[in-house]
Amino acid sequence: MKRKIGVDAIVLIVVLLAFAGVSLQIAGRDAGGDETGQPLRSTLSPKSGGWKAAYRLLEKSGIPTSRFEKPPREWPDTAAVMVCGQELFAFAGDAYWTAEQAADAMEWVDRGGTLIMLTAENNAITDIVGVSPDVHKNKGKDLTLAQPVPYLDGVSDLRFPGEERFLKLGKDATVLFADDKPGVVVVKRGKGRVMLVASAAVIDNKTLLEGDNARFLVQTVSAYLDPKRKGGVLWDEYHQGSQDKRSLWSAIGQPGQFAVLQLTVLIGLVCLAASTRFGLPRPAPPGDRVSSEYVASLADLYRRARASDAALEGVYLSFWRDLCRATGMPVTSTADEVALRAAASLGDVYGANASERRAKRETKLLRLLQECETKIEAGAKKLPESELLSLARSIEDMRKELQLGRDERKD
């Protein structure tokens, strides 16, 4: 007979497979940006369309360079240059330039920053600046310097791998490189400027070493560095999909994420094990019994049996044995002898009128002993519950007065 796989085993297998899949997904993230689906314009990508070579070139040239993963409203005024590029892949949400983000970027430029935007398509930045890149007839051409520029000394040709050019320019745009149409323009805004390049591939890993592209990048960035802005050059990774969400999940990093996943799986397995019954059901063990429960049961038994004399006898005999033991007299002694010895030796009676108070105690104790013996001999019919409670309370008061402890030993 074939053995069927139980539901518990199936659930466990599914949980383990899900855990393995999520773990592989996290482990598959490569800081180099090599994986499929990551934006190739990232400075972390070594692929042909990435900007890793350009980023490392500025580092090797001694230019302060870092990546920035926050929206334009958080661009720091300490940075002199911000390099932005067209997204190579389409991203939903914040990866696209919005009008609000473009306005924030222009405010940063107005305060003295330099924005280098490399894009072959219109976006919110090109709309504000008033330029429009579009497809032109020339493709893979070398653009020449349109006018002398001191900081571009030694840069004669700029390799343009695409066929996009600026077919529309605003009145404030200055052309730097062109063939039939401009490919690089600069627009002054406030205290800063915006440089627009009609191809994001001009400085990518594949094209950077062609023509004077590398020299163009280094000399342009160096010229726009401001000694008052010590932040150097920032590369906009926010619009390449590497966005700092400031979430706890991203803050704990891969080790923390693995730990959370493992803890989640462990909790799931514990819950599964706790909800599964092994073997036949067993009744719950009885709770602990307390002494007060015995006393209450015994009192209820005396009450139902109307045996008030037996109840009084039990309380009285316990008191009598403790009293005889405390005075050192046998239980066969008379009440007069025990009362006399107890009044003289038990309890604290000092100072003036001590003998008189001992005599009163002796009389009180003797009367209590005789009354209890009389009621017990008379039987239950002669002992109402009210008198039983009164005598029991008197015995307890006398115990306290004589400082008489209870002997818990069984006779």
Protein backbone atom coordinates (compact mmCIF):
# COMPACT_ATOMS: atom_id res chain seq x y z
CA MET A 1 0.00 0.00 0.00
CA LYS A 2 1.40 3.37 -1.01
CA ARG A 3 1.94 5.92 1.67
CA LYS A 4 0.23 9.29 1.11
CA ILE A 5 1.96 12.55 1.83
CA GLY A 6 0.29 14.28 4.75
CA VAL A 7 -0.99 17.85 4.75
CA ASP A 8 1.66 18.87 7.30
CA ALA A 9 4.46 17.64 5.02
CA ILE A 10 3.01 19.51 2.04
CA VAL A 11 2.76 22.75 4.03
CA LEU A 12 6.34 22.35 5.26
CA ILE A 13 7.63 21.76 1.72
CA VAL A 14 5.81 24.83 0.39
CA VAL A 15 7.19 27.02 3.19
CA LEU A 16 10.74 25.80 2.60
CA LEU A 17 10.45 26.34 -1.17
CA ALA A 18 9.13 29.87 -0.63
CA PHE A 19 11.95 30.62 1.78
CA ALA A 20 14.52 29.29 -0.70
CA GLY A 21 13.06 31.40 -3.50
CA VAL A 22 13.11 34.64 -1.52
CA SER A 23 16.62 33.91 -0.25
CA LEU A 24 17.87 33.33 -3.79
CA GLN A 25 16.27 36.56 -4.90
CA ILE A 26 18.02 38.55 -2.17
CA ALA A 27 21.32 36.75 -2.67
CA GLY A 28 21.08 37.35 -6.41
CA ARG A 29 21.32 41.08 -6.01
CA ASP A 30 24.67 42.19 -7.29
CA ALA A 31 26.09 45.51 -6.22
CA GLY A 32 27.68 45.75 -9.67
CA GLY A 33 24.32 46.14 -11.36
CA ASP A 34 25.00 43.21 -13.72
CA GLU A 35 21.72 41.42 -13.32
CA THR A 36 18.90 41.52 -15.84
CA GLY A 37 16.30 44.15 -15.13
CA GLN A 38 18.67 46.60 -13.43
CA PRO A 39 19.15 50.02 -15.08
CA LEU A 40 22.27 49.90 -17.26
CA ARG A 41 22.81 53.66 -16.98
CA SER A 42 23.78 53.11 -13.36
CA THR A 43 27.33 53.93 -12.30
CA LEU A 44 27.35 50.45 -10.75
CA SER A 45 26.87 48.69 -14.10
CA PRO A 46 29.91 47.41 -16.05
CA LYS A 47 27.76 46.59 -19.11
CA SER A 48 28.11 48.45 -22.36
CA GLY A 49 25.37 50.95 -21.52
CA GLY A 50 26.51 51.57 -17.95
CA TRP A 51 28.42 54.51 -16.53
CA LYS A 52 30.78 52.66 -14.22
CA ALA A 53 33.83 53.55 -16.34
CA ALA A 54 32.92 57.27 -16.30
CA TYR A 55 32.45 57.17 -12.54
CA ARG A 56 35.80 55.46 -12.00
CA LEU A 57 37.49 57.88 -14.42
CA LEU A 58 36.50 60.86 -12.27
CA GLU A 59 37.67 59.00 -9.16
CA LYS A 60 41.05 58.29 -10.74
CA SER A 61 41.29 61.94 -11.79
CA GLY A 62 41.07 63.02 -8.14
CA ILE A 63 37.59 64.56 -8.47
CA PRO A 64 35.30 64.04 -5.42
CA THR A 65 32.63 61.70 -6.77
CA SER A 66 29.73 59.88 -5.14
CA ARG A 67 26.34 58.37 -5.92
CA PHE A 68 23.06 59.92 -4.82
CA GLU A 69 19.79 58.00 -4.45
CA LYS A 70 17.37 60.71 -3.33
CA PRO A 71 14.96 62.96 -5.26
CA PRO A 72 15.95 66.47 -6.44
CA ARG A 73 14.32 68.20 -3.48
CA GLU A 74 17.09 66.64 -1.35
CA TRP A 75 20.02 67.53 -3.60
CA PRO A 76 22.60 69.15 -1.30
CA ASP A 77 23.89 72.64 -1.96
CA THR A 78 27.35 71.37 -1.06
CA ALA A 79 27.48 69.47 -4.38
CA ALA A 80 28.82 71.44 -7.36
CA VAL A 81 27.77 69.13 -10.21
CA MET A 82 24.91 66.66 -10.62
CA VAL A 83 25.13 64.20 -13.53
CA CYS A 84 21.78 62.81 -14.67
CA GLY A 85 20.94 60.45 -17.51
CA GLN A 86 18.01 59.12 -19.44
CA GLU A 87 16.66 55.87 -18.06
CA LEU A 88 17.73 53.01 -20.31
CA PHE A 89 14.84 50.85 -19.12
CA ALA A 90 11.33 52.01 -18.31
CA PHE A 91 10.56 52.24 -14.60
CA ALA A 92 7.23 52.99 -13.03
CA GLY A 93 6.65 55.65 -10.44
CA ASP A 94 9.46 57.91 -9.22
CA ALA A 95 12.01 56.72 -11.81
CA TYR A 96 10.47 59.12 -14.33
CA TRP A 97 11.16 62.84 -14.14
CA THR A 98 8.06 64.65 -12.92
CA ALA A 99 7.29 68.35 -13.21
CA GLU A 100 7.72 68.75 -9.47
CA GLN A 101 11.12 67.06 -9.52
CA ALA A 102 12.24 69.21 -12.45
CA ALA A 103 11.20 72.36 -10.59
CA ASP A 104 13.19 71.22 -7.53
CA ALA A 105 16.22 70.55 -9.76
CA MET A 106 15.98 74.03 -11.31
CA GLU A 107 15.85 75.61 -7.87
CA TRP A 108 19.06 73.77 -7.03
CA VAL A 109 20.62 75.08 -10.27
CA ASP A 110 19.45 78.63 -9.53
CA ARG A 111 21.36 78.47 -6.25
CA GLY A 112 24.63 77.85 -8.12
CA GLY A 113 24.69 74.15 -9.05
CA THR A 114 25.58 72.68 -12.43
CA LEU A 115 23.24 70.05 -13.87
CA ILE A 116 24.60 67.83 -16.66
CA MET A 117 21.66 66.10 -18.31
CA LEU A 118 22.39 63.40 -20.92
CA THR A 119 19.15 62.43 -22.64
CA ALA A 120 17.95 61.61 -26.14
CA GLU A 121 14.30 62.10 -25.24
CA ASN A 122 12.19 64.92 -23.92
CA ASN A 123 11.50 65.00 -20.20
CA ALA A 124 10.45 67.53 -17.59
CA ILE A 125 13.95 69.08 -17.53
CA THR A 126 14.12 69.68 -21.30
CA ASP A 127 10.61 71.16 -21.17
CA ILE A 128 11.64 73.73 -18.56
CA VAL A 129 14.94 74.60 -20.27
CA GLY A 130 13.28 74.93 -23.67
CA VAL A 131 15.27 72.43 -25.74
CA SER A 132 13.98 69.39 -27.58
CA PRO A 133 16.08 66.38 -28.67
CA ASP A 134 14.83 64.36 -31.61
CA VAL A 135 16.02 61.88 -34.23
CA HIS A 136 18.26 63.40 -36.91
CA LYS A 137 19.71 61.95 -40.11
CA ASN A 138 23.26 61.67 -38.77
CA LYS A 139 24.17 58.60 -36.73
CA GLY A 140 27.47 57.63 -35.14
CA LYS A 141 29.13 60.91 -36.06
CA ASP A 142 31.90 62.97 -34.50
CA LEU A 143 30.71 66.37 -33.33
CA THR A 144 33.15 69.25 -33.41
CA LEU A 145 33.49 72.18 -31.05
CA ALA A 146 31.19 74.93 -32.26
CA GLN A 147 33.06 77.78 -30.56
CA PRO A 148 36.20 78.23 -28.50
CA VAL A 149 35.73 77.27 -24.86
CA PRO A 150 38.70 77.68 -22.50
CA TYR A 151 37.94 74.67 -20.32
CA LEU A 152 37.58 72.42 -23.40
CA ASP A 153 41.10 73.11 -24.66
CA GLY A 154 42.37 69.96 -26.36
CA VAL A 155 38.87 68.56 -26.99
CA SER A 156 38.20 68.64 -30.71
CA ASP A 157 35.89 65.74 -31.51
CA LEU A 158 33.06 64.27 -29.48
CA ARG A 159 31.85 60.83 -30.56
CA PHE A 160 28.04 60.66 -30.76
CA PRO A 161 26.83 57.05 -31.11
CA GLY A 162 23.18 58.00 -31.59
CA GLU A 163 21.29 59.98 -34.20
CA GLU A 164 19.52 62.36 -31.80
CA ARG A 165 20.25 66.08 -31.95
CA PHE A 166 18.63 69.19 -30.53
CA LEU A 167 16.19 70.30 -33.21
CA LYS A 168 14.72 73.00 -30.98
CA LEU A 169 16.65 75.44 -28.83
CA GLY A 170 15.59 78.12 -26.40
CA LYS A 171 16.84 81.67 -26.68
CA ASP A 172 19.31 81.25 -23.80
CA ALA A 173 20.95 78.07 -25.14
CA THR A 174 24.63 78.19 -26.13
CA VAL A 175 25.83 75.50 -28.56
CA LEU A 176 29.10 73.78 -27.67
CA PHE A 177 29.25 70.76 -30.03
CA ALA A 178 27.39 70.24 -33.30
CA ASP A 179 27.45 68.83 -36.81
CA ASP A 180 24.40 69.79 -38.83
CA LYS A 181 22.50 70.21 -35.60
CA PRO A 182 23.59 70.88 -32.00
CA GLY A 183 24.44 67.91 -29.82
CA VAL A 184 25.67 69.69 -26.67
CA VAL A 185 24.23 72.96 -25.39
CA VAL A 186 24.51 74.99 -22.18
CA VAL A 187 21.73 77.11 -20.68
CA LYS A 188 22.44 79.64 -17.92
CA ARG A 189 19.93 79.75 -15.04
CA GLY A 190 20.32 81.95 -12.01
CA LYS A 191 23.72 81.36 -10.45
CA GLY A 192 24.12 77.98 -12.13
CA ARG A 193 23.77 76.31 -15.50
CA VAL A 194 22.30 73.28 -17.24
CA MET A 195 24.40 71.35 -19.79
CA LEU A 196 22.34 69.12 -22.05
CA VAL A 197 23.83 66.32 -24.15
CA ALA A 198 21.53 64.75 -26.79
CA SER A 199 22.87 61.23 -26.19
CA ALA A 200 23.21 59.40 -22.88
CA ALA A 201 25.66 57.01 -24.56
CA VAL A 202 28.40 59.64 -24.97
CA ILE A 203 30.01 58.64 -21.66
CA ASP A 204 28.89 55.02 -21.36
CA ASN A 205 31.34 52.15 -20.92
CA LYS A 206 31.40 51.37 -24.65
CA THR A 207 31.87 54.93 -26.01
CA LEU A 208 33.86 56.71 -23.31
CA LEU A 209 37.28 55.93 -24.83
CA GLU A 210 36.26 56.94 -28.37
CA GLY A 211 37.16 60.38 -29.67
CA ASP A 212 37.76 62.93 -26.93
CA ASN A 213 34.79 61.81 -24.87
CA ALA A 214 36.79 60.98 -21.73
CA ARG A 215 38.71 64.28 -21.92
CA PHE A 216 35.41 66.12 -22.43
CA LEU A 217 33.92 64.59 -19.27
CA VAL A 218 36.92 65.24 -17.03
CA GLN A 219 37.60 68.81 -18.25
CA THR A 220 33.92 69.81 -18.14
CA VAL A 221 33.37 68.53 -14.62
CA SER A 222 36.66 70.02 -13.41
CA ALA A 223 35.70 73.43 -14.82
CA TYR A 224 32.35 73.45 -13.03
CA LEU A 225 33.71 72.49 -9.61
CA ASP A 226 33.15 75.25 -7.10
CA PRO A 227 35.60 75.63 -4.16
CA LYS A 228 32.66 76.81 -2.03
CA ARG A 229 30.83 73.55 -2.76
CA LYS A 230 32.99 70.82 -1.33
CA GLY A 231 30.57 68.02 -2.20
CA GLY A 232 32.13 67.58 -5.66
CA VAL A 233 30.21 65.57 -8.28
CA LEU A 234 27.08 63.54 -7.60
CA TRP A 235 25.60 60.94 -9.94
CA ASP A 236 21.82 60.71 -9.98
CA GLU A 237 20.99 57.06 -9.23
CA TYR A 238 17.48 57.96 -8.13
CA HIS A 239 16.21 58.15 -11.71
CA GLN A 240 17.97 54.88 -12.55
CA GLY A 241 15.80 52.97 -10.08
CA SER A 242 18.26 52.86 -7.15
CA GLN A 243 16.11 54.87 -4.78
CA ASP A 244 16.70 55.28 -1.10
CA LYS A 245 13.28 54.44 0.37
CA ARG A 246 14.49 54.89 3.95
CA SER A 247 12.71 51.73 5.00
CA LEU A 248 13.69 49.41 7.81
CA TRP A 249 13.91 46.53 5.32
CA SER A 250 16.57 48.28 3.23
CA ALA A 251 18.36 49.65 6.29
CA ILE A 252 19.07 46.24 7.84
CA GLY A 253 20.77 45.00 4.67
CA GLN A 254 21.05 41.47 3.32
CA PRO A 255 22.28 39.83 6.59
CA GLY A 256 19.37 41.33 8.49
CA GLN A 257 16.92 40.37 5.75
CA PHE A 258 18.15 36.77 5.84
CA ALA A 259 17.78 36.75 9.63
CA VAL A 260 14.19 38.06 9.42
CA LEU A 261 13.28 35.48 6.79
CA GLN A 262 14.78 32.64 8.80
CA LEU A 263 13.01 33.84 11.94
CA THR A 264 9.71 34.03 10.03
CA VAL A 265 10.12 30.48 8.77
CA LEU A 266 11.06 29.29 12.27
CA ILE A 267 7.97 30.92 13.79
CA GLY A 268 5.82 29.36 11.07
CA LEU A 269 7.24 25.91 11.77
CA VAL A 270 6.76 26.35 15.52
CA CYS A 271 3.14 27.41 15.00
CA LEU A 272 2.59 24.45 12.68
CA ALA A 273 4.09 22.05 15.19
CA ALA A 274 2.10 23.58 18.07
CA SER A 275 -1.17 23.26 16.16
CA THR A 276 -0.56 19.60 15.30
CA ARG A 277 -1.64 16.96 17.83
CA PHE A 278 0.63 13.96 18.25
CA GLY A 279 -1.18 10.88 19.58
CA LEU A 280 -4.59 10.57 21.23
CA PRO A 281 -6.09 13.47 23.20
CA ARG A 282 -5.40 13.39 26.92
CA PRO A 283 -7.42 15.11 29.62
CA ALA A 284 -5.86 18.10 31.29
CA PRO A 285 -4.24 17.36 34.66
CA PRO A 286 -6.28 18.39 37.71
CA GLY A 287 -5.37 21.63 39.37
CA ASP A 288 -3.61 21.87 42.73
CA ARG A 289 -5.86 21.58 45.81
CA VAL A 290 -5.51 24.20 48.51
CA SER A 291 -6.04 23.80 52.24
CA SER A 292 -8.86 26.34 52.28
CA GLU A 293 -10.84 24.05 49.98
CA TYR A 294 -10.60 21.26 52.59
CA VAL A 295 -11.67 23.57 55.38
CA ALA A 296 -14.62 24.86 53.36
CA SER A 297 -15.70 21.32 52.46
CA LEU A 298 -15.44 20.14 56.07
CA ALA A 299 -17.43 23.12 57.34
CA ASP A 300 -20.10 22.49 54.71
CA LEU A 301 -20.21 18.83 55.76
CA TYR A 302 -20.76 19.74 59.46
CA ARG A 303 -23.44 22.23 58.44
CA ARG A 304 -25.35 19.73 56.31
CA ALA A 305 -25.09 17.05 59.00
CA ARG A 306 -26.13 19.56 61.68
CA ALA A 307 -23.20 18.32 63.74
CA SER A 308 -22.28 21.59 65.42
CA ASP A 309 -21.17 19.74 68.56
CA ALA A 310 -18.68 17.67 66.49
CA ALA A 311 -17.38 20.85 64.85
CA LEU A 312 -16.90 22.49 68.24
CA GLU A 313 -15.25 19.37 69.60
CA GLY A 314 -12.71 19.38 66.78
CA VAL A 315 -11.81 23.02 67.41
CA TYR A 316 -11.79 22.63 71.18
CA LEU A 317 -9.65 19.47 71.32
CA SER A 318 -7.03 21.09 69.10
CA PHE A 319 -6.98 24.11 71.42
CA TRP A 320 -6.85 21.88 74.53
CA ARG A 321 -3.90 19.81 73.27
CA ASP A 322 -1.94 22.94 72.31
CA LEU A 323 -2.72 24.48 75.70
CA CYS A 324 -1.58 21.42 77.67
CA ARG A 325 1.56 21.06 75.59
CA ALA A 326 2.45 24.75 76.06
CA THR A 327 2.03 24.51 79.85
CA GLY A 328 3.82 21.17 80.08
CA MET A 329 0.83 19.34 81.54
CA PRO A 330 -0.78 16.06 80.38
CA VAL A 331 -4.04 16.18 78.47
CA THR A 332 -5.69 14.29 81.34
CA SER A 333 -5.26 17.27 83.65
CA THR A 334 -8.29 19.15 84.95
CA ALA A 335 -9.44 22.44 83.51
CA ASP A 336 -8.69 24.23 86.83
CA GLU A 337 -5.04 23.10 86.83
CA VAL A 338 -4.43 23.95 83.20
CA ALA A 339 -6.13 27.36 83.45
CA LEU A 340 -4.03 28.25 86.55
CA ARG A 341 -0.74 27.22 84.90
CA ALA A 342 -1.60 28.89 81.57
CA ALA A 343 -2.55 32.21 83.19
CA ALA A 344 0.72 32.23 85.14
CA SER A 345 3.11 31.16 82.36
CA LEU A 346 1.62 32.12 79.02
CA GLY A 347 1.21 35.58 77.53
CA ASP A 348 2.99 38.78 78.45
CA VAL A 349 1.69 40.16 81.74
CA TYR A 350 4.13 42.57 83.42
CA GLY A 351 4.12 45.77 85.39
CA ALA A 352 1.63 46.97 87.93
CA ASN A 353 -1.44 44.88 88.69
CA ALA A 354 0.12 41.91 86.89
CA SER A 355 -1.23 39.41 89.45
CA GLU A 356 -4.72 40.87 89.20
CA ARG A 357 -4.69 40.60 85.41
CA ARG A 358 -3.42 37.02 85.60
CA ALA A 359 -6.31 36.17 87.90
CA LYS A 360 -8.81 37.67 85.45
CA ARG A 361 -7.21 35.72 82.59
CA GLU A 362 -7.40 32.50 84.62
CA THR A 363 -11.11 33.08 85.31
CA LYS A 364 -11.83 33.90 81.65
CA LEU A 365 -9.92 30.85 80.35
CA LEU A 366 -11.54 28.50 82.89
CA ARG A 367 -15.01 29.76 82.00
CA LEU A 368 -14.29 29.20 78.26
CA LEU A 369 -13.03 25.66 78.83
CA GLN A 370 -15.99 24.71 80.99
CA GLU A 371 -18.51 26.22 78.58
CA CYS A 372 -17.03 24.34 75.62
CA GLU A 373 -17.08 21.03 77.52
CA THR A 374 -20.68 21.63 78.61
CA LYS A 375 -21.86 22.40 75.05
CA ILE A 376 -20.08 19.38 73.61
CA GLU A 377 -21.67 17.06 76.21
CA ALA A 378 -25.11 18.57 75.59
CA GLY A 379 -25.03 17.55 71.88
CA ALA A 380 -25.86 19.30 68.62
CA LYS A 381 -29.49 20.08 69.52
CA LYS A 382 -28.35 22.32 72.37
CA LEU A 383 -25.73 24.17 70.25
CA PRO A 384 -27.08 26.58 67.60
CA GLU A 385 -24.75 27.76 64.82
CA SER A 386 -24.58 31.25 66.31
CA GLU A 387 -23.21 29.88 69.62
CA LEU A 388 -20.77 27.63 67.72
CA LEU A 389 -19.35 30.61 65.87
CA SER A 390 -19.17 32.64 69.10
CA LEU A 391 -17.26 29.90 70.96
CA ALA A 392 -14.90 29.31 68.01
CA ARG A 393 -14.17 33.04 67.87
CA SER A 394 -13.54 33.12 71.65
CA ILE A 395 -11.11 30.20 71.36
CA GLU A 396 -9.22 32.01 68.58
CA ASP A 397 -9.06 35.21 70.64
CA MET A 398 -7.74 33.27 73.64
CA ARG A 399 -5.04 31.71 71.45
CA LYS A 400 -3.83 35.17 70.49
CA GLU A 401 -3.99 36.42 74.08
CA LEU A 402 -1.94 33.49 75.37
CA GLN A 403 0.37 33.70 72.32
CA LEU A 404 -0.41 30.07 71.73
CA GLY A 405 0.78 28.71 68.39
CA ARG A 406 -0.81 25.86 66.51
CA ASP A 407 0.85 22.47 66.66
CA GLU A 408 0.71 20.99 63.16
CA ARG A 409 1.91 17.56 64.25
CA LYS A 410 -0.59 14.73 63.97
CA ASP A 411 -1.33 12.73 67.12
